[in-house]
Amino acid sequence: MARSRERRIHVDGVDYRWMVRHVDPGHVVVRVWHTTTGRGTPLEVRVAYDDPWLNYGPIITTPSEQAAEVFALTPVTPQLVADLIRAALTAGWQAEDDGGPRRFTLTRDRERLEPVSGRPPH
């Protein structure tokens, strides 16, 4: 995955900044924070993503009809980030409150967020 860089996104009338960080060969972490205050409680969501460059050999040897079942190849897009923000807000994330990061894992099917407790990702 390419080097992380900060990006801006406007969701439901609120400005946020976000970035993607590679944590291991099968996951990335999307980090989001409120732009206006520059402080607050950041959102961190661990997302399954099998980097095609790191998994090239296994990907090309997997039967094409099974690749979608075995590998998570859909990259993180601004639309996904907007969906993550909305889902986290619904789950109780308060972007403007001070505090440590609020952590979730996006299920492999990318349908829902699951809260994470304990140590932060790498």
C-alpha atoms as a PDB file:
ATOM      1  CA  MET A   1       0.000   0.000   0.000  1.00  0.00           C
ATOM      2  CA  ALA A   2       1.256   3.474  -0.799  1.00  0.00           C
ATOM      3  CA  ARG A   3       2.629   5.780   1.863  1.00  0.00           C
ATOM      4  CA  SER A   4      -0.088   7.235   4.083  1.00  0.00           C
ATOM      5  CA  ARG A   5      -1.129  10.822   3.609  1.00  0.00           C
ATOM      6  CA  GLU A   6      -3.715  12.950   5.285  1.00  0.00           C
ATOM      7  CA  ARG A   7      -6.914  13.572   3.333  1.00  0.00           C
ATOM      8  CA  ARG A   8     -10.029  15.644   3.939  1.00  0.00           C
ATOM      9  CA  ILE A   9     -13.623  14.495   3.822  1.00  0.00           C
ATOM     10  CA  HIS A  10     -16.954  16.262   4.404  1.00  0.00           C
ATOM     11  CA  VAL A  11     -19.661  14.003   5.873  1.00  0.00           C
ATOM     12  CA  ASP A  12     -23.152  15.187   6.753  1.00  0.00           C
ATOM     13  CA  GLY A  13     -22.088  18.815   7.193  1.00  0.00           C
ATOM     14  CA  VAL A  14     -18.927  18.101   9.218  1.00  0.00           C
ATOM     15  CA  ASP A  15     -15.300  18.235   8.084  1.00  0.00           C
ATOM     16  CA  TYR A  16     -12.925  15.420   9.020  1.00  0.00           C
ATOM     17  CA  ARG A  17      -9.397  14.389   8.138  1.00  0.00           C
ATOM     18  CA  TRP A  18      -8.420  10.800   7.521  1.00  0.00           C
ATOM     19  CA  MET A  19      -5.503   8.598   6.632  1.00  0.00           C
ATOM     20  CA  VAL A  20      -4.833   4.935   5.999  1.00  0.00           C
ATOM     21  CA  ARG A  21      -1.972   3.089   7.633  1.00  0.00           C
ATOM     22  CA  HIS A  22      -0.752  -0.389   6.742  1.00  0.00           C
ATOM     23  CA  VAL A  23      -0.476  -2.579   9.874  1.00  0.00           C
ATOM     24  CA  ASP A  24       0.161  -6.067   8.507  1.00  0.00           C
ATOM     25  CA  PRO A  25      -0.102  -7.970   5.190  1.00  0.00           C
ATOM     26  CA  GLY A  26      -3.844  -8.459   5.678  1.00  0.00           C
ATOM     27  CA  HIS A  27      -5.036  -5.224   7.316  1.00  0.00           C
ATOM     28  CA  VAL A  28      -4.962  -1.453   7.245  1.00  0.00           C
ATOM     29  CA  VAL A  29      -6.138   1.036   9.863  1.00  0.00           C
ATOM     30  CA  VAL A  30      -8.264   4.000   8.848  1.00  0.00           C
ATOM     31  CA  ARG A  31      -7.753   6.896  11.266  1.00  0.00           C
ATOM     32  CA  VAL A  32     -10.296   9.757  11.278  1.00  0.00           C
ATOM     33  CA  TRP A  33     -10.425  12.914  13.362  1.00  0.00           C
ATOM     34  CA  HIS A  34     -12.510  16.077  13.550  1.00  0.00           C
ATOM     35  CA  THR A  35     -10.983  18.895  11.483  1.00  0.00           C
ATOM     36  CA  THR A  36     -12.459  21.930  13.242  1.00  0.00           C
ATOM     37  CA  THR A  37     -10.974  21.303  16.657  1.00  0.00           C
ATOM     38  CA  GLY A  38      -7.892  19.354  15.598  1.00  0.00           C
ATOM     39  CA  ARG A  39      -8.345  17.586  18.915  1.00  0.00           C
ATOM     40  CA  GLY A  40     -10.949  15.268  20.268  1.00  0.00           C
ATOM     41  CA  THR A  41     -11.340  11.522  20.082  1.00  0.00           C
ATOM     42  CA  PRO A  42      -9.889  10.002  16.918  1.00  0.00           C
ATOM     43  CA  LEU A  43     -11.566   7.056  15.254  1.00  0.00           C
ATOM     44  CA  GLU A  44      -9.466   4.029  14.303  1.00  0.00           C
ATOM     45  CA  VAL A  45     -10.978   1.240  12.228  1.00  0.00           C
ATOM     46  CA  ARG A  46      -9.079  -1.920  11.343  1.00  0.00           C
ATOM     47  CA  VAL A  47     -10.064  -3.016   7.819  1.00  0.00           C
ATOM     48  CA  ALA A  48      -9.212  -6.287   6.085  1.00  0.00           C
ATOM     49  CA  TYR A  49      -7.157  -5.581   2.982  1.00  0.00           C
ATOM     50  CA  ASP A  50      -4.824  -8.053   1.296  1.00  0.00           C
ATOM     51  CA  ASP A  51      -2.361  -5.854  -0.535  1.00  0.00           C
ATOM     52  CA  PRO A  52      -2.105  -7.245  -4.085  1.00  0.00           C
ATOM     53  CA  TRP A  53       1.617  -6.450  -4.270  1.00  0.00           C
ATOM     54  CA  LEU A  54       2.386  -8.310  -1.057  1.00  0.00           C
ATOM     55  CA  ASN A  55       0.116 -11.234  -1.948  1.00  0.00           C
ATOM     56  CA  TYR A  56       0.762 -11.407  -5.694  1.00  0.00           C
ATOM     57  CA  GLY A  57       1.846 -15.060  -5.811  1.00  0.00           C
ATOM     58  CA  PRO A  58      -1.049 -16.457  -3.787  1.00  0.00           C
ATOM     59  CA  ILE A  59      -3.563 -14.239  -5.603  1.00  0.00           C
ATOM     60  CA  ILE A  60      -2.581 -15.335  -9.113  1.00  0.00           C
ATOM     61  CA  THR A  61      -2.519 -19.020  -8.137  1.00  0.00           C
ATOM     62  CA  THR A  62      -5.955 -18.952  -6.478  1.00  0.00           C
ATOM     63  CA  PRO A  63      -8.806 -19.995  -8.783  1.00  0.00           C
ATOM     64  CA  SER A  64     -10.555 -16.798  -9.880  1.00  0.00           C
ATOM     65  CA  GLU A  65     -13.949 -17.948  -8.590  1.00  0.00           C
ATOM     66  CA  GLN A  66     -12.440 -18.336  -5.086  1.00  0.00           C
ATOM     67  CA  ALA A  67     -10.326 -15.167  -4.955  1.00  0.00           C
ATOM     68  CA  ALA A  68     -13.123 -13.012  -3.501  1.00  0.00           C
ATOM     69  CA  GLU A  69     -13.697 -15.583  -0.739  1.00  0.00           C
ATOM     70  CA  VAL A  70     -10.013 -15.864   0.150  1.00  0.00           C
ATOM     71  CA  PHE A  71      -8.699 -12.309  -0.308  1.00  0.00           C
ATOM     72  CA  ALA A  72      -9.982  -8.849   0.679  1.00  0.00           C
ATOM     73  CA  LEU A  73      -8.873  -6.818  -2.348  1.00  0.00           C
ATOM     74  CA  THR A  74     -11.253  -3.857  -2.259  1.00  0.00           C
ATOM     75  CA  PRO A  75      -9.220  -0.763  -1.309  1.00  0.00           C
ATOM     76  CA  VAL A  76     -10.264   1.927   1.152  1.00  0.00           C
ATOM     77  CA  THR A  77     -12.152   4.665  -0.705  1.00  0.00           C
ATOM     78  CA  PRO A  78     -13.618   8.003   0.404  1.00  0.00           C
ATOM     79  CA  GLN A  79     -17.087   6.398   0.217  1.00  0.00           C
ATOM     80  CA  LEU A  80     -16.000   3.668   2.623  1.00  0.00           C
ATOM     81  CA  VAL A  81     -14.520   6.287   4.980  1.00  0.00           C
ATOM     82  CA  ALA A  82     -17.800   8.240   4.941  1.00  0.00           C
ATOM     83  CA  ASP A  83     -19.678   5.013   5.732  1.00  0.00           C
ATOM     84  CA  LEU A  84     -17.237   4.253   8.576  1.00  0.00           C
ATOM     85  CA  ILE A  85     -17.751   7.725  10.042  1.00  0.00           C
ATOM     86  CA  ARG A  86     -21.541   7.381   9.932  1.00  0.00           C
ATOM     87  CA  ALA A  87     -21.439   3.881  11.454  1.00  0.00           C
ATOM     88  CA  ALA A  88     -19.054   4.997  14.229  1.00  0.00           C
ATOM     89  CA  LEU A  89     -21.253   7.983  15.060  1.00  0.00           C
ATOM     90  CA  THR A  90     -24.234   5.627  15.280  1.00  0.00           C
ATOM     91  CA  ALA A  91     -22.164   3.373  17.575  1.00  0.00           C
ATOM     92  CA  GLY A  92     -21.481   6.284  19.921  1.00  0.00           C
ATOM     93  CA  TRP A  93     -18.216   7.817  18.690  1.00  0.00           C
ATOM     94  CA  GLN A  94     -18.047  11.462  19.787  1.00  0.00           C
ATOM     95  CA  ALA A  95     -15.453  13.069  17.516  1.00  0.00           C
ATOM     96  CA  GLU A  96     -15.340  16.368  19.413  1.00  0.00           C
ATOM     97  CA  ASP A  97     -14.928  14.877  22.902  1.00  0.00           C
ATOM     98  CA  ASP A  98     -11.418  14.700  24.296  1.00  0.00           C
ATOM     99  CA  GLY A  99     -10.041  11.254  24.876  1.00  0.00           C
ATOM    100  CA  GLY A 100      -8.067   8.385  23.449  1.00  0.00           C
ATOM    101  CA  PRO A 101      -8.906   6.771  20.129  1.00  0.00           C
ATOM    102  CA  ARG A 102     -12.181   4.926  19.702  1.00  0.00           C
ATOM    103  CA  ARG A 103     -11.322   1.621  18.024  1.00  0.00           C
ATOM    104  CA  PHE A 104     -13.410  -0.673  15.865  1.00  0.00           C
ATOM    105  CA  THR A 105     -12.872  -3.527  13.453  1.00  0.00           C
ATOM    106  CA  LEU A 106     -14.832  -3.577  10.206  1.00  0.00           C
ATOM    107  CA  THR A 107     -16.168  -7.069   9.611  1.00  0.00           C
ATOM    108  CA  ARG A 108     -14.620  -8.884   6.647  1.00  0.00           C
ATOM    109  CA  ASP A 109     -17.875  -8.525   4.691  1.00  0.00           C
ATOM    110  CA  ARG A 110     -17.661  -4.749   5.403  1.00  0.00           C
ATOM    111  CA  GLU A 111     -21.203  -4.715   6.760  1.00  0.00           C
ATOM    112  CA  ARG A 112     -20.716  -3.599  10.388  1.00  0.00           C
ATOM    113  CA  LEU A 113     -18.280  -2.227  12.950  1.00  0.00           C
ATOM    114  CA  GLU A 114     -17.292  -4.236  16.007  1.00  0.00           C
ATOM    115  CA  PRO A 115     -15.844  -2.394  19.038  1.00  0.00           C
ATOM    116  CA  VAL A 116     -12.274  -3.224  20.023  1.00  0.00           C
ATOM    117  CA  SER A 117     -10.825  -2.918  23.489  1.00  0.00           C
ATOM    118  CA  GLY A 118      -7.252  -3.285  24.616  1.00  0.00           C
ATOM    119  CA  ARG A 119      -4.033  -2.445  22.810  1.00  0.00           C
ATOM    120  CA  PRO A 120      -4.023  -0.277  19.699  1.00  0.00           C
ATOM    121  CA  PRO A 121      -3.039  -1.732  16.335  1.00  0.00           C
ATOM    122  CA  HIS A 122       0.687  -1.513  15.437  1.00  0.00           C
END
